[in-house]
PDB file of N, CA and C in Angstrom:
ATOM      1  N   MET A   1      14.826  15.027 185.428  1.00  0.00           N
ATOM      2  CA  MET A   1      14.479  14.020 186.584  1.00  0.00           C
ATOM      3  C   MET A   1      13.139  13.399 186.590  1.00  0.00           C
ATOM      4  N   GLY A   2      13.299  12.028 187.064  1.00  0.00           N
ATOM      5  CA  GLY A   2      12.109  11.395 187.079  1.00  0.00           C
ATOM      6  C   GLY A   2      11.998  10.461 188.388  1.00  0.00           C
ATOM      7  N   ALA A   3      12.689  10.249 189.075  1.00  0.00           N
ATOM      8  CA  ALA A   3      12.855   9.363 189.922  1.00  0.00           C
ATOM      9  C   ALA A   3      12.516   9.807 191.233  1.00  0.00           C
ATOM     10  N   TYR A   4      11.207  10.111 191.414  1.00  0.00           N
ATOM     11  CA  TYR A   4      10.452  10.821 192.752  1.00  0.00           C
ATOM     12  C   TYR A   4      10.377   9.756 193.552  1.00  0.00           C
ATOM     13  N   TYR A   5      10.115  10.112 194.927  1.00  0.00           N
ATOM     14  CA  TYR A   5       9.989   8.995 195.829  1.00  0.00           C
ATOM     15  C   TYR A   5       8.167   9.236 195.656  1.00  0.00           C
ATOM     16  N   ASP A   6       7.756  10.468 195.456  1.00  0.00           N
ATOM     17  CA  ASP A   6       6.343  10.598 195.532  1.00  0.00           C
ATOM     18  C   ASP A   6       6.114  11.903 194.930  1.00  0.00           C
ATOM     19  N   GLU A   7       4.809  11.732 194.625  1.00  0.00           N
ATOM     20  CA  GLU A   7       4.122  13.700 194.292  1.00  0.00           C
ATOM     21  C   GLU A   7       3.480  13.889 195.480  1.00  0.00           C
ATOM     22  N   ILE A   8       3.755  15.157 195.697  1.00  0.00           N
ATOM     23  CA  ILE A   8       2.959  15.700 197.195  1.00  0.00           C
ATOM     24  C   ILE A   8       2.210  17.039 196.325  1.00  0.00           C
ATOM     25  N   GLU A   9       1.066  16.922 197.311  1.00  0.00           N
ATOM     26  CA  GLU A   9       0.341  18.239 196.642  1.00  0.00           C
ATOM     27  C   GLU A   9       0.661  19.381 197.550  1.00  0.00           C
ATOM     28  N   ILE A  10       0.851  20.632 197.445  1.00  0.00           N
ATOM     29  CA  ILE A  10       1.156  21.688 198.183  1.00  0.00           C
ATOM     30  C   ILE A  10       0.026  21.781 199.210  1.00  0.00           C
ATOM     31  N   GLU A  11      -1.067  21.579 199.223  1.00  0.00           N
ATOM     32  CA  GLU A  11      -2.056  21.670 200.075  1.00  0.00           C
ATOM     33  C   GLU A  11      -1.681  20.692 201.371  1.00  0.00           C
ATOM     34  N   ASP A  12      -0.898  19.631 200.904  1.00  0.00           N
ATOM     35  CA  ASP A  12      -0.921  18.656 201.999  1.00  0.00           C
ATOM     36  C   ASP A  12       0.264  18.953 202.623  1.00  0.00           C
ATOM     37  N   MET A  13       1.254  19.879 202.451  1.00  0.00           N
ATOM     38  CA  MET A  13       2.273  20.014 203.129  1.00  0.00           C
ATOM     39  C   MET A  13       1.992  21.373 204.123  1.00  0.00           C
ATOM     40  N   SER A  14       2.973  21.314 205.070  1.00  0.00           N
ATOM     41  CA  SER A  14       2.845  22.151 206.440  1.00  0.00           C
ATOM     42  C   SER A  14       3.780  23.466 205.944  1.00  0.00           C
ATOM     43  N   TRP A  15       3.284  24.526 206.586  1.00  0.00           N
ATOM     44  CA  TRP A  15       4.279  25.703 206.287  1.00  0.00           C
ATOM     45  C   TRP A  15       5.087  26.015 207.757  1.00  0.00           C
ATOM     46  N   ASP A  16       6.358  26.256 207.654  1.00  0.00           N
ATOM     47  CA  ASP A  16       7.012  26.066 209.096  1.00  0.00           C
ATOM     48  C   ASP A  16       7.359  27.699 209.000  1.00  0.00           C
ATOM     49  N   ASP A  17       6.557  28.739 210.104  1.00  0.00           N
ATOM     50  CA  ASP A  17       7.116  30.209 209.816  1.00  0.00           C
ATOM     51  C   ASP A  17       8.704  30.258 210.063  1.00  0.00           C
ATOM     52  N   GLU A  18       9.000  29.541 211.042  1.00  0.00           N
ATOM     53  CA  GLU A  18      10.094  29.900 211.421  1.00  0.00           C
ATOM     54  C   GLU A  18      11.471  29.507 210.610  1.00  0.00           C
ATOM     55  N   LYS A  19      11.524  28.383 209.726  1.00  0.00           N
ATOM     56  CA  LYS A  19      12.396  27.857 208.752  1.00  0.00           C
ATOM     57  C   LYS A  19      11.989  28.722 207.463  1.00  0.00           C
ATOM     58  N   ARG A  20      10.934  28.821 207.482  1.00  0.00           N
ATOM     59  CA  ARG A  20      10.097  29.681 206.143  1.00  0.00           C
ATOM     60  C   ARG A  20      10.464  28.870 205.129  1.00  0.00           C
ATOM     61  N   VAL A  21       9.885  27.625 204.897  1.00  0.00           N
ATOM     62  CA  VAL A  21       9.558  26.522 204.060  1.00  0.00           C
ATOM     63  C   VAL A  21       8.552  25.714 204.445  1.00  0.00           C
ATOM     64  N   TYR A  22       7.739  24.971 203.252  1.00  0.00           N
ATOM     65  CA  TYR A  22       6.816  24.331 203.445  1.00  0.00           C
ATOM     66  C   TYR A  22       7.644  22.970 203.675  1.00  0.00           C
ATOM     67  N   HIS A  23       6.949  22.130 204.310  1.00  0.00           N
ATOM     68  CA  HIS A  23       7.791  20.649 204.599  1.00  0.00           C
ATOM     69  C   HIS A  23       6.578  19.661 204.753  1.00  0.00           C
ATOM     70  N   TYR A  24       7.130  18.406 204.418  1.00  0.00           N
ATOM     71  CA  TYR A  24       6.439  17.254 204.409  1.00  0.00           C
ATOM     72  C   TYR A  24       7.181  15.782 205.078  1.00  0.00           C
ATOM     73  N   PRO A  25       6.494  14.829 205.800  1.00  0.00           N
ATOM     74  CA  PRO A  25       7.330  14.110 206.521  1.00  0.00           C
ATOM     75  C   PRO A  25       8.171  13.179 205.479  1.00  0.00           C
ATOM     76  N   CYS A  26       8.994  12.745 205.700  1.00  0.00           N
ATOM     77  CA  CYS A  26      10.182  11.952 204.805  1.00  0.00           C
ATOM     78  C   CYS A  26       9.944  10.478 205.748  1.00  0.00           C
ATOM     79  N   PRO A  27      10.258   9.437 205.274  1.00  0.00           N
ATOM     80  CA  PRO A  27       9.928   7.965 205.611  1.00  0.00           C
ATOM     81  C   PRO A  27      11.507   8.023 206.981  1.00  0.00           C
ATOM     82  N   CYS A  28      12.523   8.737 206.386  1.00  0.00           N
ATOM     83  CA  CYS A  28      13.808   8.609 207.206  1.00  0.00           C
ATOM     84  C   CYS A  28      13.660   9.140 208.719  1.00  0.00           C
ATOM     85  N   GLY A  29      12.389  10.132 208.465  1.00  0.00           N
ATOM     86  CA  GLY A  29      12.381  10.779 209.730  1.00  0.00           C
ATOM     87  C   GLY A  29      12.360  12.076 210.259  1.00  0.00           C
ATOM     88  N   ASP A  30      13.310  12.462 209.174  1.00  0.00           N
ATOM     89  CA  ASP A  30      13.195  14.093 208.660  1.00  0.00           C
ATOM     90  C   ASP A  30      12.129  14.577 207.769  1.00  0.00           C
ATOM     91  N   ARG A  31      12.473  15.663 207.292  1.00  0.00           N
ATOM     92  CA  ARG A  31      11.194  16.053 206.589  1.00  0.00           C
ATOM     93  C   ARG A  31      11.544  16.781 205.095  1.00  0.00           C
ATOM     94  N   PHE A  32      10.885  16.497 204.120  1.00  0.00           N
ATOM     95  CA  PHE A  32      11.023  17.210 202.759  1.00  0.00           C
ATOM     96  C   PHE A  32      10.929  18.837 203.002  1.00  0.00           C
ATOM     97  N   GLU A  33      11.829  19.512 202.139  1.00  0.00           N
ATOM     98  CA  GLU A  33      11.451  20.969 202.239  1.00  0.00           C
ATOM     99  C   GLU A  33      11.456  21.709 201.193  1.00  0.00           C
ATOM    100  N   ILE A  34      10.522  22.788 200.827  1.00  0.00           N
ATOM    101  CA  ILE A  34      11.163  23.459 199.702  1.00  0.00           C
ATOM    102  C   ILE A  34      10.443  24.906 200.098  1.00  0.00           C
ATOM    103  N   SER A  35      10.958  25.920 199.754  1.00  0.00           N
ATOM    104  CA  SER A  35      10.851  27.367 199.856  1.00  0.00           C
ATOM    105  C   SER A  35       9.752  28.057 199.146  1.00  0.00           C
ATOM    106  N   LYS A  36       9.087  29.202 199.307  1.00  0.00           N
ATOM    107  CA  LYS A  36       8.394  29.809 198.696  1.00  0.00           C
ATOM    108  C   LYS A  36       9.041  30.420 197.328  1.00  0.00           C
ATOM    109  N   ALA A  37      10.544  30.915 197.666  1.00  0.00           N
ATOM    110  CA  ALA A  37      11.519  31.137 196.384  1.00  0.00           C
ATOM    111  C   ALA A  37      11.281  30.341 195.302  1.00  0.00           C
ATOM    112  N   GLN A  38      11.734  29.317 195.741  1.00  0.00           N
ATOM    113  CA  GLN A  38      11.843  27.597 195.041  1.00  0.00           C
ATOM    114  C   GLN A  38      10.812  27.659 193.927  1.00  0.00           C
ATOM    115  N   LEU A  39       9.414  27.509 194.978  1.00  0.00           N
ATOM    116  CA  LEU A  39       8.280  27.658 193.897  1.00  0.00           C
ATOM    117  C   LEU A  39       8.188  28.485 193.163  1.00  0.00           C
ATOM    118  N   ALA A  40       8.166  29.985 193.655  1.00  0.00           N
ATOM    119  CA  ALA A  40       8.148  31.209 192.747  1.00  0.00           C
ATOM    120  C   ALA A  40       9.068  30.980 191.532  1.00  0.00           C
ATOM    121  N   ASN A  41      10.154  30.210 191.666  1.00  0.00           N
ATOM    122  CA  ASN A  41      11.041  30.175 190.345  1.00  0.00           C
ATOM    123  C   ASN A  41      10.470  28.605 189.617  1.00  0.00           C
ATOM    124  N   TYR A  42       9.471  28.056 189.748  1.00  0.00           N
ATOM    125  CA  TYR A  42       8.953  26.834 189.068  1.00  0.00           C
ATOM    126  C   TYR A  42       9.736  25.723 189.395  1.00  0.00           C
ATOM    127  N   GLU A  43      10.216  26.186 190.745  1.00  0.00           N
ATOM    128  CA  GLU A  43      11.248  24.748 190.913  1.00  0.00           C
ATOM    129  C   GLU A  43      10.208  23.627 191.976  1.00  0.00           C
ATOM    130  N   ASP A  44      10.029  22.492 191.530  1.00  0.00           N
ATOM    131  CA  ASP A  44       9.029  21.845 192.192  1.00  0.00           C
ATOM    132  C   ASP A  44       9.760  20.433 192.848  1.00  0.00           C
ATOM    133  N   ILE A  45      10.749  20.501 193.094  1.00  0.00           N
ATOM    134  CA  ILE A  45      11.525  19.211 193.750  1.00  0.00           C
ATOM    135  C   ILE A  45      11.720  19.515 195.434  1.00  0.00           C
ATOM    136  N   ALA A  46      11.218  18.670 196.207  1.00  0.00           N
ATOM    137  CA  ALA A  46      11.318  19.201 197.614  1.00  0.00           C
ATOM    138  C   ALA A  46      12.408  18.015 197.974  1.00  0.00           C
ATOM    139  N   THR A  47      13.623  18.513 198.673  1.00  0.00           N
ATOM    140  CA  THR A  47      14.358  17.723 199.102  1.00  0.00           C
ATOM    141  C   THR A  47      14.674  17.025 200.817  1.00  0.00           C
ATOM    142  N   CYS A  48      15.034  16.228 201.221  1.00  0.00           N
ATOM    143  CA  CYS A  48      15.097  15.834 202.517  1.00  0.00           C
ATOM    144  C   CYS A  48      16.712  16.031 203.025  1.00  0.00           C
ATOM    145  N   PRO A  49      17.111  16.794 203.923  1.00  0.00           N
ATOM    146  CA  PRO A  49      18.501  16.887 204.183  1.00  0.00           C
ATOM    147  C   PRO A  49      19.165  15.959 205.051  1.00  0.00           C
ATOM    148  N   SER A  50      18.183  14.735 204.997  1.00  0.00           N
ATOM    149  CA  SER A  50      19.166  13.631 205.805  1.00  0.00           C
ATOM    150  C   SER A  50      19.206  12.495 205.281  1.00  0.00           C
ATOM    151  N   CYS A  51      18.529  12.657 203.666  1.00  0.00           N
ATOM    152  CA  CYS A  51      18.472  11.336 202.778  1.00  0.00           C
ATOM    153  C   CYS A  51      18.753  11.787 201.640  1.00  0.00           C
ATOM    154  N   SER A  52      18.638  10.663 200.658  1.00  0.00           N
ATOM    155  CA  SER A  52      18.912  10.931 199.314  1.00  0.00           C
ATOM    156  C   SER A  52      17.153  11.496 198.610  1.00  0.00           C
ATOM    157  N   LEU A  53      16.065  10.973 199.379  1.00  0.00           N
ATOM    158  CA  LEU A  53      14.633  10.775 198.635  1.00  0.00           C
ATOM    159  C   LEU A  53      14.339  12.272 198.263  1.00  0.00           C
ATOM    160  N   ILE A  54      13.822  12.385 197.203  1.00  0.00           N
ATOM    161  CA  ILE A  54      12.910  13.898 196.864  1.00  0.00           C
ATOM    162  C   ILE A  54      11.568  13.168 196.262  1.00  0.00           C
ATOM    163  N   VAL A  55      10.583  14.533 196.516  1.00  0.00           N
ATOM    164  CA  VAL A  55       9.277  14.313 195.919  1.00  0.00           C
ATOM    165  C   VAL A  55       9.151  15.667 195.281  1.00  0.00           C
ATOM    166  N   ARG A  56       8.130  15.432 194.349  1.00  0.00           N
ATOM    167  CA  ARG A  56       7.682  16.347 193.532  1.00  0.00           C
ATOM    168  C   ARG A  56       6.587  17.149 194.207  1.00  0.00           C
ATOM    169  N   VAL A  57       6.645  18.441 194.171  1.00  0.00           N
ATOM    170  CA  VAL A  57       5.448  19.412 194.494  1.00  0.00           C
ATOM    171  C   VAL A  57       4.488  19.570 193.363  1.00  0.00           C
ATOM    172  N   VAL A  58       3.320  19.399 193.926  1.00  0.00           N
ATOM    173  CA  VAL A  58       2.394  19.312 192.794  1.00  0.00           C
ATOM    174  C   VAL A  58       1.426  20.949 193.136  1.00  0.00           C
ATOM    175  N   TYR A  59       1.487  21.777 192.398  1.00  0.00           N
ATOM    176  CA  TYR A  59       1.010  23.028 192.824  1.00  0.00           C
ATOM    177  C   TYR A  59       0.762  24.046 191.267  1.00  0.00           C
ATOM    178  N   ASP A  60      -0.134  24.921 191.477  1.00  0.00           N
ATOM    179  CA  ASP A  60      -0.606  25.726 190.517  1.00  0.00           C
ATOM    180  C   ASP A  60       0.809  26.928 190.418  1.00  0.00           C
ATOM    181  N   PRO A  61       1.561  26.839 189.690  1.00  0.00           N
ATOM    182  CA  PRO A  61       2.400  28.323 189.985  1.00  0.00           C
ATOM    183  C   PRO A  61       1.823  29.493 189.455  1.00  0.00           C
ATOM    184  N   VAL A  62       0.751  29.397 188.593  1.00  0.00           N
ATOM    185  CA  VAL A  62       0.343  30.637 187.940  1.00  0.00           C
ATOM    186  C   VAL A  62      -0.597  31.151 189.464  1.00  0.00           C
ATOM    187  N   SER A  63      -1.076  30.586 189.724  1.00  0.00           N
ATOM    188  CA  SER A  63      -1.984  30.997 191.278  1.00  0.00           C
ATOM    189  C   SER A  63      -1.092  31.333 192.239  1.00  0.00           C
ATOM    190  N   PHE A  64       0.333  30.712 192.454  1.00  0.00           N
ATOM    191  CA  PHE A  64       0.874  30.816 193.642  1.00  0.00           C
ATOM    192  C   PHE A  64       1.304  32.069 193.839  1.00  0.00           C
TER     193      PHE A  64
END
């Protein structure tokens, strides 16, 4: 996959303790989301539940 809306550093994302996901604002008004389980499985794509945009999350899986 290569058509990312953007690449976001994990440090720029916020942790949502209630939903248990990292999130980042999406231009559509919703937010991109990715879980710790996804990151632990080397998945680096955060999706927006309201639109088709995706972002690549930049993080170090070894230190995560």
